[in-house]
Amino acid sequence: MLILVVRALPDVPLSAMIKLLDRYARHLGDQDGRLVLCGVQPSLAHLLQRSGTADRLGDGGVVPAAPELLGGLEEAWVAARERTSRPPHHGSDMR
């Protein structure tokens, strides 16, 4: 499981970042791992939905930004722990 705080993305075009995140989510999913994005701003959430990456990340895989810098980290941790405690399902939405 990897929780990535994306509140302030580097100066990289969002389309390139979406492709990178999607590729990494696939890679982790192939190994029964999980990527959770924390601190997601509304514009990024919209792009993740449109690209299908949000579906690949699954329930709790996109945690919205909170007013505090790491405010959504606890929510992301709980969601990730709940998901990883379930038995692996090879037909999951992470693939």
C-alpha atoms as a PDB file:
ATOM      1  CA  MET A   1       0.000   0.000   0.000  1.00  0.00           C
ATOM      2  CA  LEU A   2       1.265   3.439  -0.897  1.00  0.00           C
ATOM      3  CA  ILE A   3      -0.425   6.651   0.236  1.00  0.00           C
ATOM      4  CA  LEU A   4       0.700   9.549  -1.909  1.00  0.00           C
ATOM      5  CA  VAL A   5      -0.061  13.097  -0.773  1.00  0.00           C
ATOM      6  CA  VAL A   6      -0.759  15.092  -3.944  1.00  0.00           C
ATOM      7  CA  ARG A   7      -1.941  18.328  -2.395  1.00  0.00           C
ATOM      8  CA  ALA A   8       0.719  20.321  -4.243  1.00  0.00           C
ATOM      9  CA  LEU A   9       1.791  18.594  -7.435  1.00  0.00           C
ATOM     10  CA  PRO A  10       5.108  19.547  -9.022  1.00  0.00           C
ATOM     11  CA  ASP A  11       5.129  21.699 -12.130  1.00  0.00           C
ATOM     12  CA  VAL A  12       4.294  18.804 -14.456  1.00  0.00           C
ATOM     13  CA  PRO A  13       1.466  18.816 -16.995  1.00  0.00           C
ATOM     14  CA  LEU A  14      -1.548  17.147 -15.396  1.00  0.00           C
ATOM     15  CA  SER A  15      -2.033  14.751 -18.308  1.00  0.00           C
ATOM     16  CA  ALA A  16       1.491  13.404 -17.758  1.00  0.00           C
ATOM     17  CA  MET A  17       0.853  13.127 -14.022  1.00  0.00           C
ATOM     18  CA  ILE A  18      -2.460  11.287 -14.586  1.00  0.00           C
ATOM     19  CA  LYS A  19      -0.724   8.790 -16.892  1.00  0.00           C
ATOM     20  CA  LEU A  20       2.023   8.241 -14.331  1.00  0.00           C
ATOM     21  CA  LEU A  21      -0.460   7.734 -11.473  1.00  0.00           C
ATOM     22  CA  ASP A  22      -2.567   5.378 -13.582  1.00  0.00           C
ATOM     23  CA  ARG A  23       0.464   3.335 -14.604  1.00  0.00           C
ATOM     24  CA  TYR A  24       1.647   3.121 -10.994  1.00  0.00           C
ATOM     25  CA  ALA A  25      -1.836   2.123  -9.771  1.00  0.00           C
ATOM     26  CA  ARG A  26      -1.879  -0.673 -12.362  1.00  0.00           C
ATOM     27  CA  HIS A  27       1.593  -1.815 -11.332  1.00  0.00           C
ATOM     28  CA  LEU A  28       0.667  -1.930  -7.650  1.00  0.00           C
ATOM     29  CA  GLY A  29      -2.647  -3.618  -8.436  1.00  0.00           C
ATOM     30  CA  ASP A  30      -0.849  -6.331 -10.408  1.00  0.00           C
ATOM     31  CA  GLN A  31       1.058  -7.090  -7.211  1.00  0.00           C
ATOM     32  CA  ASP A  32      -2.071  -7.001  -5.006  1.00  0.00           C
ATOM     33  CA  GLY A  33      -0.963  -3.595  -3.755  1.00  0.00           C
ATOM     34  CA  ARG A  34      -2.847  -0.358  -3.602  1.00  0.00           C
ATOM     35  CA  LEU A  35      -2.270   3.309  -4.382  1.00  0.00           C
ATOM     36  CA  VAL A  36      -4.241   5.903  -2.415  1.00  0.00           C
ATOM     37  CA  LEU A  37      -4.098   9.576  -3.392  1.00  0.00           C
ATOM     38  CA  CYS A  38      -4.525  11.974  -0.501  1.00  0.00           C
ATOM     39  CA  GLY A  39      -5.078  15.732  -0.608  1.00  0.00           C
ATOM     40  CA  VAL A  40      -6.711  15.663  -4.045  1.00  0.00           C
ATOM     41  CA  GLN A  41      -7.893  19.070  -5.232  1.00  0.00           C
ATOM     42  CA  PRO A  42     -11.276  19.200  -7.083  1.00  0.00           C
ATOM     43  CA  SER A  43      -9.669  19.841 -10.494  1.00  0.00           C
ATOM     44  CA  LEU A  44      -7.441  16.772 -10.142  1.00  0.00           C
ATOM     45  CA  ALA A  45     -10.367  14.683  -8.856  1.00  0.00           C
ATOM     46  CA  HIS A  46     -12.310  15.625 -11.996  1.00  0.00           C
ATOM     47  CA  LEU A  47      -9.423  14.563 -14.254  1.00  0.00           C
ATOM     48  CA  LEU A  48      -8.976  11.311 -12.329  1.00  0.00           C
ATOM     49  CA  GLN A  49     -12.680  10.562 -12.898  1.00  0.00           C
ATOM     50  CA  ARG A  50     -12.570  11.432 -16.603  1.00  0.00           C
ATOM     51  CA  SER A  51      -9.461   9.337 -17.214  1.00  0.00           C
ATOM     52  CA  GLY A  52     -10.802   6.268 -15.389  1.00  0.00           C
ATOM     53  CA  THR A  53      -7.942   6.368 -12.897  1.00  0.00           C
ATOM     54  CA  ALA A  54     -10.316   7.033  -9.986  1.00  0.00           C
ATOM     55  CA  ASP A  55     -12.134   3.789 -10.829  1.00  0.00           C
ATOM     56  CA  ARG A  56      -8.824   1.929 -10.919  1.00  0.00           C
ATOM     57  CA  LEU A  57      -7.925   3.337  -7.491  1.00  0.00           C
ATOM     58  CA  GLY A  58     -11.259   2.082  -6.151  1.00  0.00           C
ATOM     59  CA  ASP A  59     -13.220   3.016  -3.036  1.00  0.00           C
ATOM     60  CA  GLY A  60     -11.218   5.293  -0.769  1.00  0.00           C
ATOM     61  CA  GLY A  61      -8.477   5.622  -3.381  1.00  0.00           C
ATOM     62  CA  VAL A  62      -9.048   9.356  -3.872  1.00  0.00           C
ATOM     63  CA  VAL A  63      -9.156  11.367  -0.650  1.00  0.00           C
ATOM     64  CA  PRO A  64     -10.099  15.045  -1.069  1.00  0.00           C
ATOM     65  CA  ALA A  65      -7.870  17.834   0.180  1.00  0.00           C
ATOM     66  CA  ALA A  66      -8.593  19.147   3.651  1.00  0.00           C
ATOM     67  CA  PRO A  67      -7.817  22.643   4.985  1.00  0.00           C
ATOM     68  CA  GLU A  68      -4.859  21.274   6.978  1.00  0.00           C
ATOM     69  CA  LEU A  69      -1.762  20.256   5.015  1.00  0.00           C
ATOM     70  CA  LEU A  70      -2.030  16.551   5.887  1.00  0.00           C
ATOM     71  CA  GLY A  71      -5.669  16.656   6.948  1.00  0.00           C
ATOM     72  CA  GLY A  72      -6.849  13.778   4.752  1.00  0.00           C
ATOM     73  CA  LEU A  73      -3.991  11.462   5.643  1.00  0.00           C
ATOM     74  CA  GLU A  74      -5.847   9.760   8.493  1.00  0.00           C
ATOM     75  CA  GLU A  75      -8.881   9.182   6.254  1.00  0.00           C
ATOM     76  CA  ALA A  76      -6.616   7.770   3.530  1.00  0.00           C
ATOM     77  CA  TRP A  77      -4.879   5.480   6.021  1.00  0.00           C
ATOM     78  CA  VAL A  78      -8.167   4.103   7.373  1.00  0.00           C
ATOM     79  CA  ALA A  79      -9.568   3.529   3.866  1.00  0.00           C
ATOM     80  CA  ALA A  80      -6.388   1.817   2.714  1.00  0.00           C
ATOM     81  CA  ARG A  81      -6.237  -0.422   5.788  1.00  0.00           C
ATOM     82  CA  GLU A  82      -9.868  -1.456   5.325  1.00  0.00           C
ATOM     83  CA  ARG A  83      -9.251  -2.336   1.711  1.00  0.00           C
ATOM     84  CA  THR A  84      -6.037  -4.259   2.337  1.00  0.00           C
ATOM     85  CA  SER A  85      -7.621  -6.271   5.140  1.00  0.00           C
ATOM     86  CA  ARG A  86     -10.071  -7.788   2.648  1.00  0.00           C
ATOM     87  CA  PRO A  87      -9.052 -10.976   0.821  1.00  0.00           C
ATOM     88  CA  PRO A  88      -7.589 -10.235  -2.631  1.00  0.00           C
ATOM     89  CA  HIS A  89     -10.143 -10.225  -5.419  1.00  0.00           C
ATOM     90  CA  HIS A  90      -8.498 -10.711  -8.783  1.00  0.00           C
ATOM     91  CA  GLY A  91     -11.490  -9.210 -10.592  1.00  0.00           C
ATOM     92  CA  SER A  92     -11.158  -6.003  -8.582  1.00  0.00           C
ATOM     93  CA  ASP A  93     -11.362  -2.522  -9.984  1.00  0.00           C
ATOM     94  CA  MET A  94      -7.636  -2.004  -9.356  1.00  0.00           C
ATOM     95  CA  ARG A  95      -6.751  -3.794 -12.596  1.00  0.00           C
END
